[in-house]
């Protein structure tokens, strides 16, 4: 967006039109908004999407901005800018029904997902 040609201060960050991920749909507030509220600020979230892949595609063709994990940026046309506050981290978890806990195929799938996520999160990947 043209607004990002200058250093990003808190007021400018909050005035930009943001998109955020809300896996359950319709959420317009998250960890970033909690941090901003503690600092006495509120950002302008105009759209929520169900996952980061869609968000990145949307950002490439709009003037919207978003807080995106840096590992998702390579290979996109997106540019990164430091934010004017300490961004919150997040924890990923896996959930499954108790009846699948000891299922061999399900255990294999959970391990495969875990290994894949850890490999992507490793430095240099």
C-alpha atoms as a PDB file:
ATOM      1  CA  UNK A   1       0.000   0.000   0.000  1.00  0.00           C
ATOM      2  CA  UNK A   2       1.162   3.549  -0.672  1.00  0.00           C
ATOM      3  CA  UNK A   3       0.756   4.316   3.060  1.00  0.00           C
ATOM      4  CA  UNK A   4       3.755   2.078   3.797  1.00  0.00           C
ATOM      5  CA  UNK A   5       6.313   4.198   1.962  1.00  0.00           C
ATOM      6  CA  UNK A   6       7.086   5.957   5.243  1.00  0.00           C
ATOM      7  CA  UNK A   7       8.183   4.363   8.523  1.00  0.00           C
ATOM      8  CA  UNK A   8       5.271   2.652  10.231  1.00  0.00           C
ATOM      9  CA  UNK A   9       4.359   4.359  13.506  1.00  0.00           C
ATOM     10  CA  UNK A  10       1.545   3.232  15.800  1.00  0.00           C
ATOM     11  CA  UNK A  11      -1.051   5.712  14.510  1.00  0.00           C
ATOM     12  CA  UNK A  12      -0.390   4.835  10.869  1.00  0.00           C
ATOM     13  CA  UNK A  13      -0.457   1.103  11.681  1.00  0.00           C
ATOM     14  CA  UNK A  14      -3.868   1.450  13.345  1.00  0.00           C
ATOM     15  CA  UNK A  15      -5.338   3.558  10.500  1.00  0.00           C
ATOM     16  CA  UNK A  16      -4.450   1.006   7.801  1.00  0.00           C
ATOM     17  CA  UNK A  17      -7.138  -1.451   6.705  1.00  0.00           C
ATOM     18  CA  UNK A  18      -6.255  -4.866   8.128  1.00  0.00           C
ATOM     19  CA  UNK A  19      -7.279  -8.394   7.228  1.00  0.00           C
ATOM     20  CA  UNK A  20      -6.906 -11.153   9.801  1.00  0.00           C
ATOM     21  CA  UNK A  21      -7.199 -14.924   9.985  1.00  0.00           C
ATOM     22  CA  UNK A  22     -10.183 -16.265  11.890  1.00  0.00           C
ATOM     23  CA  UNK A  23     -10.283 -20.066  11.444  1.00  0.00           C
ATOM     24  CA  UNK A  24     -13.807 -20.293  12.867  1.00  0.00           C
ATOM     25  CA  UNK A  25     -15.031 -17.404  10.727  1.00  0.00           C
ATOM     26  CA  UNK A  26     -16.156 -13.893  11.469  1.00  0.00           C
ATOM     27  CA  UNK A  27     -13.574 -13.000  14.108  1.00  0.00           C
ATOM     28  CA  UNK A  28     -12.349  -9.421  13.985  1.00  0.00           C
ATOM     29  CA  UNK A  29     -10.183  -9.431  17.091  1.00  0.00           C
ATOM     30  CA  UNK A  30      -7.210 -11.536  18.151  1.00  0.00           C
ATOM     31  CA  UNK A  31      -3.905 -11.509  20.006  1.00  0.00           C
ATOM     32  CA  UNK A  32      -2.626  -8.458  18.128  1.00  0.00           C
ATOM     33  CA  UNK A  33      -5.749  -6.545  19.110  1.00  0.00           C
ATOM     34  CA  UNK A  34      -5.308  -7.510  22.764  1.00  0.00           C
ATOM     35  CA  UNK A  35      -1.745  -6.148  22.730  1.00  0.00           C
ATOM     36  CA  UNK A  36      -2.892  -2.955  21.011  1.00  0.00           C
ATOM     37  CA  UNK A  37      -5.698  -2.499  23.570  1.00  0.00           C
ATOM     38  CA  UNK A  38      -3.181  -2.784  26.422  1.00  0.00           C
ATOM     39  CA  UNK A  39      -1.207  -0.016  24.696  1.00  0.00           C
ATOM     40  CA  UNK A  40      -4.342   2.130  24.304  1.00  0.00           C
ATOM     41  CA  UNK A  41      -4.777   1.576  20.553  1.00  0.00           C
ATOM     42  CA  UNK A  42      -7.184  -0.159  18.187  1.00  0.00           C
ATOM     43  CA  UNK A  43      -6.517  -1.230  14.603  1.00  0.00           C
ATOM     44  CA  UNK A  44      -9.007  -1.120  11.746  1.00  0.00           C
ATOM     45  CA  UNK A  45      -9.819  -4.752  10.841  1.00  0.00           C
ATOM     46  CA  UNK A  46     -12.063  -4.735   7.758  1.00  0.00           C
ATOM     47  CA  UNK A  47     -12.003  -8.408   6.749  1.00  0.00           C
ATOM     48  CA  UNK A  48     -11.427 -11.828   8.280  1.00  0.00           C
ATOM     49  CA  UNK A  49     -10.513 -14.926   6.273  1.00  0.00           C
ATOM     50  CA  UNK A  50     -10.343 -18.607   7.279  1.00  0.00           C
ATOM     51  CA  UNK A  51      -6.651 -19.289   6.586  1.00  0.00           C
ATOM     52  CA  UNK A  52      -3.286 -17.707   5.802  1.00  0.00           C
ATOM     53  CA  UNK A  53      -2.995 -19.053   2.241  1.00  0.00           C
ATOM     54  CA  UNK A  54      -6.084 -17.158   1.158  1.00  0.00           C
ATOM     55  CA  UNK A  55      -4.924 -14.104   3.091  1.00  0.00           C
ATOM     56  CA  UNK A  56      -1.590 -13.960   1.255  1.00  0.00           C
ATOM     57  CA  UNK A  57      -3.327 -14.179  -2.135  1.00  0.00           C
ATOM     58  CA  UNK A  58      -5.700 -11.411  -1.099  1.00  0.00           C
ATOM     59  CA  UNK A  59      -2.891  -9.172   0.149  1.00  0.00           C
ATOM     60  CA  UNK A  60      -1.021  -9.472  -3.152  1.00  0.00           C
ATOM     61  CA  UNK A  61      -3.943  -7.914  -5.031  1.00  0.00           C
ATOM     62  CA  UNK A  62      -5.157  -5.269  -2.569  1.00  0.00           C
ATOM     63  CA  UNK A  63      -4.086  -2.364  -0.370  1.00  0.00           C
ATOM     64  CA  UNK A  64      -4.975  -4.308   2.780  1.00  0.00           C
ATOM     65  CA  UNK A  65      -2.301  -5.174   5.358  1.00  0.00           C
ATOM     66  CA  UNK A  66      -1.976  -8.060   7.798  1.00  0.00           C
ATOM     67  CA  UNK A  67       0.148  -9.623  10.494  1.00  0.00           C
ATOM     68  CA  UNK A  68       1.536 -12.700   8.708  1.00  0.00           C
ATOM     69  CA  UNK A  69       4.079 -15.277   9.934  1.00  0.00           C
ATOM     70  CA  UNK A  70       7.368 -14.454   8.172  1.00  0.00           C
ATOM     71  CA  UNK A  71       7.805 -18.037   6.975  1.00  0.00           C
ATOM     72  CA  UNK A  72       4.798 -17.559   4.662  1.00  0.00           C
ATOM     73  CA  UNK A  73       6.289 -14.571   2.828  1.00  0.00           C
ATOM     74  CA  UNK A  74       8.974 -16.157   0.560  1.00  0.00           C
ATOM     75  CA  UNK A  75       7.586 -16.891  -2.881  1.00  0.00           C
ATOM     76  CA  UNK A  76       4.865 -14.242  -2.625  1.00  0.00           C
ATOM     77  CA  UNK A  77       4.899 -10.678  -3.890  1.00  0.00           C
ATOM     78  CA  UNK A  78       4.482  -9.396  -0.339  1.00  0.00           C
ATOM     79  CA  UNK A  79       6.790  -6.983   1.444  1.00  0.00           C
ATOM     80  CA  UNK A  80       7.391  -6.949   5.178  1.00  0.00           C
ATOM     81  CA  UNK A  81       7.631  -3.983   7.505  1.00  0.00           C
ATOM     82  CA  UNK A  82       8.483  -3.940  11.209  1.00  0.00           C
ATOM     83  CA  UNK A  83       5.514  -3.159  13.429  1.00  0.00           C
ATOM     84  CA  UNK A  84       5.755  -0.424  16.075  1.00  0.00           C
ATOM     85  CA  UNK A  85       5.117  -2.766  19.021  1.00  0.00           C
ATOM     86  CA  UNK A  86       6.095  -6.210  20.298  1.00  0.00           C
ATOM     87  CA  UNK A  87       3.964  -8.578  18.235  1.00  0.00           C
ATOM     88  CA  UNK A  88       2.382 -11.483  20.112  1.00  0.00           C
ATOM     89  CA  UNK A  89       3.502 -15.022  19.415  1.00  0.00           C
ATOM     90  CA  UNK A  90       1.080 -17.865  19.039  1.00  0.00           C
ATOM     91  CA  UNK A  91       1.017 -21.531  19.816  1.00  0.00           C
ATOM     92  CA  UNK A  92      -0.122 -24.193  17.383  1.00  0.00           C
ATOM     93  CA  UNK A  93      -1.897 -27.236  18.776  1.00  0.00           C
ATOM     94  CA  UNK A  94      -3.322 -30.435  17.340  1.00  0.00           C
ATOM     95  CA  UNK A  95      -6.605 -31.819  18.582  1.00  0.00           C
ATOM     96  CA  UNK A  96      -8.213 -35.180  17.903  1.00  0.00           C
ATOM     97  CA  UNK A  97     -11.035 -37.255  19.245  1.00  0.00           C
ATOM     98  CA  UNK A  98     -10.137 -39.613  22.076  1.00  0.00           C
ATOM     99  CA  UNK A  99     -11.293 -42.639  20.061  1.00  0.00           C
ATOM    100  CA  UNK A 100      -8.424 -42.012  17.582  1.00  0.00           C
ATOM    101  CA  UNK A 101      -5.727 -41.626  20.224  1.00  0.00           C
ATOM    102  CA  UNK A 102      -4.292 -45.148  19.842  1.00  0.00           C
ATOM    103  CA  UNK A 103      -5.242 -45.705  16.186  1.00  0.00           C
ATOM    104  CA  UNK A 104      -2.028 -46.607  14.299  1.00  0.00           C
ATOM    105  CA  UNK A 105      -2.888 -44.693  11.126  1.00  0.00           C
ATOM    106  CA  UNK A 106      -4.021 -41.652  13.080  1.00  0.00           C
ATOM    107  CA  UNK A 107      -0.857 -41.699  15.187  1.00  0.00           C
ATOM    108  CA  UNK A 108       1.226 -41.865  11.999  1.00  0.00           C
ATOM    109  CA  UNK A 109      -0.682 -38.906  10.539  1.00  0.00           C
ATOM    110  CA  UNK A 110      -0.224 -36.821  13.704  1.00  0.00           C
ATOM    111  CA  UNK A 111       3.507 -37.545  13.714  1.00  0.00           C
ATOM    112  CA  UNK A 112       3.767 -36.682  10.008  1.00  0.00           C
ATOM    113  CA  UNK A 113       1.997 -33.356  10.585  1.00  0.00           C
ATOM    114  CA  UNK A 114       4.183 -32.589  13.613  1.00  0.00           C
ATOM    115  CA  UNK A 115       7.397 -33.374  11.708  1.00  0.00           C
ATOM    116  CA  UNK A 116       6.260 -31.307   8.711  1.00  0.00           C
ATOM    117  CA  UNK A 117       5.412 -28.281  10.831  1.00  0.00           C
ATOM    118  CA  UNK A 118       8.680 -28.475  12.772  1.00  0.00           C
ATOM    119  CA  UNK A 119      10.665 -28.787   9.529  1.00  0.00           C
ATOM    120  CA  UNK A 120       8.996 -25.648   8.132  1.00  0.00           C
ATOM    121  CA  UNK A 121       9.609 -23.751  11.363  1.00  0.00           C
ATOM    122  CA  UNK A 122      13.310 -24.654  11.475  1.00  0.00           C
ATOM    123  CA  UNK A 123      15.722 -21.819  10.600  1.00  0.00           C
ATOM    124  CA  UNK A 124      16.703 -21.877   6.943  1.00  0.00           C
ATOM    125  CA  UNK A 125      13.651 -23.817   5.800  1.00  0.00           C
END
